[in-house]
Amino acid sequence: MRSFRENMEEFLKSQLMIDIEVGLGPAGELRYPSYTQNVGWVFPGIGEFQCYDKYLKADFKEAAAEAGHPEWELPDNAGKPNDKPESTEFFKSNGTYQTEKGRFFLTWYSNKLLTHGDDILDEANKVFLGYRVKLAAKVAGIHWWYKTESHAAELTAGYYNLCHRDGYRPIARMLSRHNAILNFTCLEMKNVEQPVEAQSGAEELVKQVLSGGWAEKIEVAGENALARYDREAYDQILSNTRPNGVVKFGHPARKMYGVTYLRLSDKLMKQRNFDIFKTFVKKMHANLDYCSDPERYYHFTEPMERSKPRIPLEILLEATEPLEPYPWLKETDVTRRVLAGFLHYILATVLRILRIKVN
């Protein structure tokens, strides 16, 4: 990180950068590498726990002994990466994950991830202290098996998230001490687009994570998980960006800090796709303050201050208490203008034809 700071000093001082996403795991995300395609994982496999090296084995045995159960071992019945939850003893209905031993293991496993993220962000804060940037941390959008009891794919990745336990709000609370942004993904996804057998809950997951961030009073940002160029995906992103639309006066009560669009490509630059994308960008800027100087069109960021004191683990875990997500309108003033978008496309096409004829 120090090398990055030194090599990017010019851009940092010019305030061209407004936030720095700190890599906390695979693909930069705060998670265990529980599902890895290049070693054979296939969607929607449940993945596998990543804690069987000698160091974590010893750590778990020590923690179990301190809890009065020196006989407890790491799970040996959680299946293989491409299994389904019900095919394993650990994740099936009334499986090991619901026992005292299972709950202890999952708490230990997820706490290790939480502490890891906190430690790395604390070091990043020291490196960028005084610069006008914010830190950001990316959380993975593991939406498959969300609608099952065990949420198996989330558990193996380190997110101890169940219907009666919030696995994401403790992360948001941890980020709050660093004044960091929670960056989430799969903003474009709808449940109906996923295979039925995957038991996906992408829409509910996005609402849960974003609501948890807002409840902990931190900024939330996001991105689309897959490259998309269609209005349906853009409208879903818009719905999540401002779940209650825009307002005529002032700023919306809840809106995302920023959105990263994936991605610039030859396919995006095809005329029809680019016309649709331009409409999407205009909607994204609906009712935001106009700034005529493009060099100043970004978030105003205060110089980074030292992170607040470390939040005790027991206080972080109080945030596992589930909360009802904030309400999302089924349609907002930025998503329901389908006819307007269609007319814009027709008009752009006509003007392009006329321009060709004139030339």
Protein backbone atom coordinates (compact mmCIF):
# COMPACT_ATOMS: atom_id res chain seq x y z
CA MET A 1 0.00 0.00 0.00
CA ARG A 2 2.88 2.35 0.70
CA SER A 3 4.26 1.63 -2.76
CA PHE A 4 0.85 2.44 -4.26
CA ARG A 5 0.72 5.70 -2.32
CA GLU A 6 4.21 6.71 -3.45
CA ASN A 7 3.58 5.88 -7.10
CA MET A 8 0.16 7.54 -7.14
CA GLU A 9 1.18 10.59 -5.12
CA GLU A 10 0.42 13.00 -7.96
CA PHE A 11 -3.11 11.66 -8.43
CA LEU A 12 -3.78 11.54 -4.71
CA LYS A 13 -2.72 15.15 -4.19
CA SER A 14 -4.73 16.32 -7.22
CA GLN A 15 -7.82 14.67 -5.66
CA LEU A 16 -8.46 12.80 -8.89
CA MET A 17 -8.96 9.72 -6.71
CA ILE A 18 -11.85 9.94 -4.27
CA ASP A 19 -11.74 6.46 -2.75
CA ILE A 20 -9.39 3.50 -2.57
CA GLU A 21 -10.80 -0.01 -2.49
CA VAL A 22 -8.54 -2.11 -0.29
CA GLY A 23 -8.07 -5.71 -1.38
CA LEU A 24 -9.17 -8.00 1.45
CA GLY A 25 -9.38 -11.39 -0.25
CA PRO A 26 -9.99 -13.14 -3.59
CA ALA A 27 -11.10 -10.71 -6.33
CA GLY A 28 -10.39 -8.00 -3.74
CA GLU A 29 -13.43 -9.10 -1.73
CA LEU A 30 -13.70 -9.64 2.02
CA ARG A 31 -14.32 -13.40 1.88
CA TYR A 32 -12.61 -16.76 1.96
CA PRO A 33 -11.66 -18.32 -1.42
CA SER A 34 -14.42 -20.89 -0.98
CA TYR A 35 -15.44 -21.13 -4.64
CA THR A 36 -12.67 -21.12 -7.24
CA GLN A 37 -13.43 -21.89 -10.85
CA ASN A 38 -9.87 -22.72 -11.89
CA VAL A 39 -9.81 -25.65 -9.46
CA GLY A 40 -13.12 -27.08 -10.60
CA TRP A 41 -15.90 -25.16 -8.85
CA VAL A 42 -19.05 -24.76 -10.96
CA PHE A 43 -22.02 -22.48 -10.22
CA PRO A 44 -24.11 -23.01 -8.10
CA GLY A 45 -21.88 -25.23 -5.97
CA ILE A 46 -21.86 -24.55 -2.23
CA GLY A 47 -18.07 -24.10 -2.08
CA GLU A 48 -16.01 -25.37 0.83
CA PHE A 49 -14.65 -24.08 4.12
CA GLN A 50 -11.08 -22.73 4.00
CA CYS A 51 -9.68 -23.48 7.43
CA TYR A 52 -7.85 -26.79 7.26
CA ASP A 53 -4.24 -25.61 7.27
CA LYS A 54 -2.21 -26.31 10.41
CA TYR A 55 -2.46 -22.74 11.70
CA LEU A 56 -6.23 -22.43 11.62
CA LYS A 57 -6.62 -25.99 12.88
CA ALA A 58 -4.53 -25.08 15.91
CA ASP A 59 -6.44 -21.82 16.37
CA PHE A 60 -9.78 -23.61 16.31
CA LYS A 61 -8.63 -26.28 18.76
CA GLU A 62 -7.45 -23.58 21.16
CA ALA A 63 -10.74 -21.69 20.86
CA ALA A 64 -12.76 -24.88 21.36
CA ALA A 65 -10.72 -25.80 24.45
CA GLU A 66 -11.28 -22.34 25.93
CA ALA A 67 -15.01 -22.82 25.32
CA GLY A 68 -14.90 -26.07 27.30
CA HIS A 69 -15.00 -28.44 24.32
CA PRO A 70 -11.46 -29.68 23.59
CA GLU A 71 -12.99 -32.66 21.76
CA TRP A 72 -14.49 -30.53 18.98
CA GLU A 73 -12.86 -30.75 15.56
CA LEU A 74 -13.32 -28.80 12.33
CA PRO A 75 -16.26 -29.97 10.16
CA ASP A 76 -15.66 -33.12 8.13
CA ASN A 77 -19.20 -33.44 6.76
CA ALA A 78 -19.62 -30.20 4.75
CA GLY A 79 -19.40 -31.90 1.36
CA LYS A 80 -17.46 -30.87 -1.73
CA PRO A 81 -17.43 -27.54 -3.62
CA ASN A 82 -20.04 -28.57 -6.22
CA ASP A 83 -22.46 -30.23 -3.82
CA LYS A 84 -25.96 -28.99 -3.01
CA PRO A 85 -26.82 -28.13 0.61
CA GLU A 86 -29.22 -31.04 1.14
CA SER A 87 -26.62 -33.56 -0.02
CA THR A 88 -24.39 -32.78 2.98
CA GLU A 89 -24.77 -33.58 6.66
CA PHE A 90 -23.58 -30.12 7.64
CA PHE A 91 -25.93 -27.97 5.53
CA LYS A 92 -29.04 -30.12 5.22
CA SER A 93 -32.23 -29.28 7.13
CA ASN A 94 -31.53 -29.80 10.84
CA GLY A 95 -27.90 -30.37 9.90
CA THR A 96 -24.72 -29.78 11.85
CA TYR A 97 -24.82 -26.03 11.23
CA GLN A 98 -27.77 -25.80 13.66
CA THR A 99 -26.07 -27.67 16.51
CA GLU A 100 -24.08 -26.06 19.32
CA LYS A 101 -20.84 -27.28 17.74
CA GLY A 102 -21.88 -25.99 14.32
CA ARG A 103 -22.85 -22.57 15.64
CA PHE A 104 -19.57 -22.29 17.53
CA PHE A 105 -17.57 -23.17 14.42
CA LEU A 106 -19.46 -20.74 12.16
CA THR A 107 -19.05 -17.92 14.67
CA TRP A 108 -15.31 -18.60 14.96
CA TYR A 109 -14.92 -18.88 11.16
CA SER A 110 -16.80 -15.65 10.37
CA ASN A 111 -15.13 -13.75 13.22
CA LYS A 112 -11.72 -14.59 11.75
CA LEU A 113 -12.79 -12.93 8.50
CA LEU A 114 -14.20 -9.91 10.30
CA THR A 115 -11.01 -9.40 12.32
CA HIS A 116 -8.86 -9.85 9.21
CA GLY A 117 -10.75 -7.09 7.38
CA ASP A 118 -10.52 -4.78 10.39
CA ASP A 119 -6.76 -5.30 10.71
CA ILE A 120 -6.02 -4.64 7.02
CA LEU A 121 -8.19 -1.52 6.90
CA ASP A 122 -6.48 -0.21 10.02
CA GLU A 123 -3.12 -0.47 8.26
CA ALA A 124 -4.55 1.15 5.11
CA ASN A 125 -5.84 4.03 7.20
CA LYS A 126 -2.32 4.68 8.52
CA VAL A 127 -0.91 4.69 4.97
CA PHE A 128 -3.40 7.19 3.52
CA LEU A 129 -3.80 9.36 6.60
CA GLY A 130 -4.32 13.01 5.64
CA TYR A 131 -5.16 12.38 1.97
CA ARG A 132 -8.57 13.43 0.66
CA VAL A 133 -9.77 9.90 -0.04
CA LYS A 134 -12.06 7.37 1.61
CA LEU A 135 -11.32 3.69 2.06
CA ALA A 136 -13.68 1.13 0.56
CA ALA A 137 -14.13 -2.60 1.12
CA LYS A 138 -15.87 -4.95 -1.28
CA VAL A 139 -18.30 -7.61 -0.06
CA ALA A 140 -19.19 -10.49 -2.38
CA GLY A 141 -22.73 -10.95 -3.68
CA ILE A 142 -23.17 -14.66 -3.01
CA HIS A 143 -26.81 -14.92 -3.99
CA TRP A 144 -27.09 -18.64 -4.75
CA TRP A 145 -28.72 -20.80 -2.06
CA TYR A 146 -29.87 -17.58 -0.33
CA LYS A 147 -33.44 -18.89 -0.26
CA THR A 148 -32.50 -22.10 1.54
CA GLU A 149 -32.37 -22.52 5.31
CA SER A 150 -28.60 -22.87 5.57
CA HIS A 151 -27.37 -20.23 3.07
CA ALA A 152 -24.56 -22.73 2.44
CA ALA A 153 -22.55 -20.77 -0.15
CA GLU A 154 -22.51 -17.70 2.09
CA LEU A 155 -21.39 -19.73 5.10
CA THR A 156 -18.42 -21.30 3.33
CA ALA A 157 -17.34 -17.83 2.15
CA GLY A 158 -17.36 -16.56 5.74
CA TYR A 159 -20.71 -14.76 5.85
CA TYR A 160 -22.61 -16.31 8.77
CA ASN A 161 -25.96 -15.18 7.44
CA LEU A 162 -29.25 -16.96 8.19
CA CYS A 163 -32.88 -15.87 8.34
CA HIS A 164 -32.47 -15.25 12.09
CA ARG A 165 -28.88 -13.92 11.97
CA ASP A 166 -27.52 -11.02 9.92
CA GLY A 167 -24.07 -11.85 8.59
CA TYR A 168 -23.45 -8.51 6.89
CA ARG A 169 -24.34 -5.75 9.35
CA PRO A 170 -21.38 -6.65 11.64
CA ILE A 171 -19.14 -5.98 8.62
CA ALA A 172 -20.82 -2.61 8.11
CA ARG A 173 -20.35 -1.79 11.79
CA MET A 174 -16.66 -2.70 11.55
CA LEU A 175 -16.30 -0.45 8.48
CA SER A 176 -17.87 2.43 10.38
CA ARG A 177 -14.80 2.86 12.60
CA HIS A 178 -12.69 3.44 9.47
CA ASN A 179 -15.30 5.73 7.86
CA ALA A 180 -15.09 3.25 4.98
CA ILE A 181 -17.49 2.58 2.12
CA LEU A 182 -19.19 -0.81 1.78
CA ASN A 183 -19.01 -1.79 -1.88
CA PHE A 184 -21.47 -4.51 -2.91
CA THR A 185 -22.16 -6.30 -6.15
CA CYS A 186 -24.92 -8.00 -8.22
CA LEU A 187 -26.91 -4.75 -8.41
CA GLU A 188 -28.27 -5.70 -11.83
CA MET A 189 -29.57 -9.15 -10.95
CA LYS A 190 -33.17 -10.30 -10.68
CA ASN A 191 -34.16 -13.60 -9.13
CA VAL A 192 -36.08 -14.73 -12.21
CA GLU A 193 -32.91 -14.52 -14.29
CA GLN A 194 -31.19 -17.21 -12.21
CA PRO A 195 -31.61 -20.99 -12.54
CA VAL A 196 -34.43 -22.25 -10.32
CA GLU A 197 -32.21 -24.93 -8.80
CA ALA A 198 -29.78 -22.26 -7.51
CA GLN A 199 -32.42 -20.94 -5.06
CA SER A 200 -31.09 -17.44 -5.73
CA GLY A 201 -32.17 -14.44 -3.71
CA ALA A 202 -30.10 -11.71 -5.37
CA GLU A 203 -32.76 -9.02 -4.93
CA GLU A 204 -33.32 -9.79 -1.25
CA LEU A 205 -29.58 -10.02 -0.63
CA VAL A 206 -28.92 -6.57 -2.12
CA LYS A 207 -31.69 -5.06 0.01
CA GLN A 208 -30.35 -6.72 3.15
CA VAL A 209 -26.74 -5.62 2.65
CA LEU A 210 -27.48 -2.05 1.58
CA SER A 211 -30.02 -1.62 4.39
CA GLY A 212 -27.46 -2.90 6.88
CA GLY A 213 -24.94 -0.34 5.68
CA TRP A 214 -27.43 2.50 5.93
CA ALA A 215 -28.53 1.31 9.38
CA GLU A 216 -24.90 1.55 10.52
CA LYS A 217 -24.71 5.04 8.98
CA ILE A 218 -21.98 4.32 6.46
CA GLU A 219 -21.79 5.00 2.73
CA VAL A 220 -22.68 2.12 0.42
CA ALA A 221 -21.61 1.71 -3.19
CA GLY A 222 -21.96 -1.06 -5.71
CA GLU A 223 -21.47 -2.55 -9.13
CA ASN A 224 -23.02 -4.98 -11.55
CA ALA A 225 -21.59 -8.49 -11.29
CA LEU A 226 -21.93 -9.42 -14.97
CA ALA A 227 -21.52 -7.35 -18.14
CA ARG A 228 -24.99 -6.20 -19.17
CA TYR A 229 -26.14 -3.75 -21.87
CA ASP A 230 -29.93 -3.96 -21.63
CA ARG A 231 -32.57 -1.67 -20.10
CA GLU A 232 -33.79 -4.32 -17.65
CA ALA A 233 -30.37 -4.53 -15.99
CA TYR A 234 -29.93 -0.75 -15.98
CA ASP A 235 -33.36 -0.25 -14.40
CA GLN A 236 -32.53 -2.76 -11.68
CA ILE A 237 -29.30 -0.88 -10.93
CA LEU A 238 -31.25 2.38 -10.79
CA SER A 239 -33.79 0.85 -8.43
CA ASN A 240 -31.03 -0.18 -6.03
CA THR A 241 -29.16 3.11 -6.40
CA ARG A 242 -32.15 5.14 -5.21
CA PRO A 243 -34.71 2.68 -3.80
CA ASN A 244 -37.24 5.47 -3.23
CA GLY A 245 -36.48 7.48 -6.35
CA VAL A 246 -35.43 11.11 -6.51
CA VAL A 247 -37.01 14.08 -4.79
CA LYS A 248 -37.74 17.55 -6.15
CA PHE A 249 -36.08 19.37 -3.28
CA GLY A 250 -32.96 18.22 -1.44
CA HIS A 251 -31.40 14.78 -1.61
CA PRO A 252 -33.03 11.35 -1.30
CA ALA A 253 -33.10 9.88 2.21
CA ARG A 254 -31.19 6.86 0.93
CA LYS A 255 -28.98 6.69 -2.11
CA MET A 256 -25.77 4.92 -2.99
CA TYR A 257 -22.46 6.75 -2.76
CA GLY A 258 -21.37 5.54 -6.18
CA VAL A 259 -21.74 2.87 -8.83
CA THR A 260 -19.01 1.14 -10.81
CA TYR A 261 -20.21 0.01 -14.23
CA LEU A 262 -18.83 -3.20 -15.74
CA ARG A 263 -17.59 -2.70 -18.32
CA LEU A 264 -16.19 -0.61 -21.17
CA SER A 265 -15.96 -2.90 -24.20
CA ASP A 266 -16.47 -3.05 -27.95
CA LYS A 267 -19.94 -4.45 -27.30
CA LEU A 268 -20.89 -1.42 -25.19
CA MET A 269 -19.74 0.93 -27.95
CA LYS A 270 -22.10 -0.59 -30.51
CA GLN A 271 -24.51 2.19 -31.39
CA ARG A 272 -27.72 0.73 -29.97
CA ASN A 273 -26.05 -0.39 -26.75
CA PHE A 274 -24.35 2.97 -26.33
CA ASP A 275 -27.61 4.88 -26.86
CA ILE A 276 -29.26 2.81 -24.12
CA PHE A 277 -26.23 3.35 -21.88
CA LYS A 278 -26.40 7.14 -22.34
CA THR A 279 -30.03 7.11 -21.21
CA PHE A 280 -29.00 5.09 -18.16
CA VAL A 281 -26.26 7.59 -17.28
CA LYS A 282 -28.70 10.51 -17.56
CA LYS A 283 -31.07 8.76 -15.17
CA MET A 284 -28.22 8.06 -12.77
CA HIS A 285 -27.61 11.81 -12.49
CA ALA A 286 -31.28 12.70 -12.00
CA ASN A 287 -31.75 15.65 -9.65
CA LEU A 288 -28.10 15.84 -8.61
CA ASP A 289 -26.44 19.23 -8.36
CA TYR A 290 -25.22 20.47 -11.73
CA CYS A 291 -21.53 21.23 -12.01
CA SER A 292 -20.31 22.97 -15.16
CA ASP A 293 -16.65 22.17 -14.48
CA PRO A 294 -16.04 18.47 -15.27
CA GLU A 295 -12.79 18.49 -13.29
CA ARG A 296 -14.75 19.23 -10.12
CA TYR A 297 -17.58 16.77 -10.72
CA TYR A 298 -16.95 14.36 -7.87
CA HIS A 299 -17.61 13.85 -4.17
CA PHE A 300 -16.11 16.36 -1.77
CA THR A 301 -13.90 14.37 0.56
CA GLU A 302 -12.37 15.50 3.83
CA PRO A 303 -8.75 14.61 4.68
CA MET A 304 -8.63 11.09 6.09
CA GLU A 305 -8.49 10.98 9.87
CA ARG A 306 -7.19 8.18 12.06
CA SER A 307 -9.60 5.27 12.47
CA LYS A 308 -11.70 5.30 15.61
CA PRO A 309 -10.79 2.88 18.45
CA ARG A 310 -11.31 -0.80 17.70
CA ILE A 311 -14.88 -1.94 18.31
CA PRO A 312 -14.98 -4.96 20.67
CA LEU A 313 -16.06 -8.16 18.94
CA GLU A 314 -19.08 -8.57 21.20
CA ILE A 315 -20.31 -5.11 20.14
CA LEU A 316 -19.82 -5.98 16.48
CA LEU A 317 -21.80 -9.18 16.96
CA GLU A 318 -24.74 -7.28 18.42
CA ALA A 319 -25.34 -6.26 14.80
CA THR A 320 -26.21 -9.87 13.93
CA GLU A 321 -29.73 -9.08 15.18
CA PRO A 322 -31.84 -9.07 11.99
CA LEU A 323 -33.51 -5.85 10.89
CA GLU A 324 -36.26 -5.40 8.34
CA PRO A 325 -34.76 -3.97 5.13
CA TYR A 326 -35.72 -0.45 4.21
CA PRO A 327 -38.66 -0.34 1.77
CA TRP A 328 -37.90 -0.41 -1.95
CA LEU A 329 -40.54 1.02 -4.26
CA LYS A 330 -41.58 -1.42 -6.98
CA GLU A 331 -41.23 1.41 -9.47
CA THR A 332 -39.54 4.76 -9.02
CA ASP A 333 -39.38 7.91 -11.10
CA VAL A 334 -36.03 6.76 -12.48
CA THR A 335 -37.10 3.24 -13.51
CA ARG A 336 -40.62 3.52 -14.88
CA ARG A 337 -39.91 5.69 -17.90
CA VAL A 338 -39.72 2.77 -20.31
CA LEU A 339 -41.67 4.65 -22.99
CA ALA A 340 -39.39 7.66 -22.61
CA GLY A 341 -36.35 5.45 -23.05
CA PHE A 342 -37.85 3.82 -26.14
CA LEU A 343 -38.71 7.21 -27.67
CA HIS A 344 -35.19 8.44 -26.94
CA TYR A 345 -33.79 5.45 -28.82
CA ILE A 346 -36.10 6.09 -31.82
CA LEU A 347 -35.17 9.78 -31.87
CA ALA A 348 -31.44 9.01 -31.67
CA THR A 349 -31.78 6.54 -34.55
CA VAL A 350 -33.66 9.06 -36.75
CA LEU A 351 -31.10 11.79 -36.07
CA ARG A 352 -28.27 9.41 -36.88
CA ILE A 353 -29.90 8.49 -40.23
CA LEU A 354 -30.41 12.16 -41.08
CA ARG A 355 -26.80 12.93 -40.19
CA ILE A 356 -25.61 10.17 -42.52
CA LYS A 357 -27.76 11.49 -45.39
CA VAL A 358 -26.55 15.06 -44.89
CA ASN A 359 -22.93 13.96 -44.94
